[in-house]
Amino acid sequence: MHLYRHIVWLLLLLATFIRCSQNMPKTETEKERIFQGYHIALDSIIRTPKGIIRGVELGATMNEVKRSEVVNITEADETYYYYEFKADSITTYSLTYSFIQDSLEEIELQVNCRNPDTGAVILNDIKNYYQKKYTAPVMDKGIYVYNCFDSRKRNFSINLSDNSGIDNSVINLLIYREK
């Protein structure tokens, strides 16, 4: 009888623990992923499937771009905003938004990863993401070039290049309208 009470007590304790853990808020790593099936860095780098990148489209105003970002501007003037971010312990990236008369004309992203294998995965995932979202790229002098249309049916280009070395990975993404 004594053993039976201990088993019942342990089962009640276990049931209480399971019930409490189900109601706890999810930690950062347990939260719902934005880009399932892609490297987790894309959740930070691209951030949302809305817009071309980070919820922004070409033609956005300076205020629209500023509102879309979650960190303070690293550097700015009347023609550009520059941001620096840390995706994880080995991956950082920077974004430059360039404006002409308060209209976003160009977006430049540089991803730096201290692990070349992880960088190769991120590069491939960015390539696949834009291929699924817009169109298959063409290769032009080692650069993946996507010829795309935005939500207003205006054309723009995405150039994706790998400038990695032996010990690190450097990925460049340039988004702009053809002149």
Foldseek 3Di string as FASTA:
>chain_A
DVVVVVVVVVVVVVVVVVVVVVPDDDDPVRDDQQDPPAPSLQCVFQVHPAEPGLNDHWFAFPVVVVVSDDDDFPDDDPFKTKDKAASDPFKIKIWIFGDDPRTTFKIKMKMKGQAVVVLVRNLVRVQVVCCVVANHFDADPQWTKGWGATPVRATKIWTWHWPDDDRMTMIMIMIGHDD
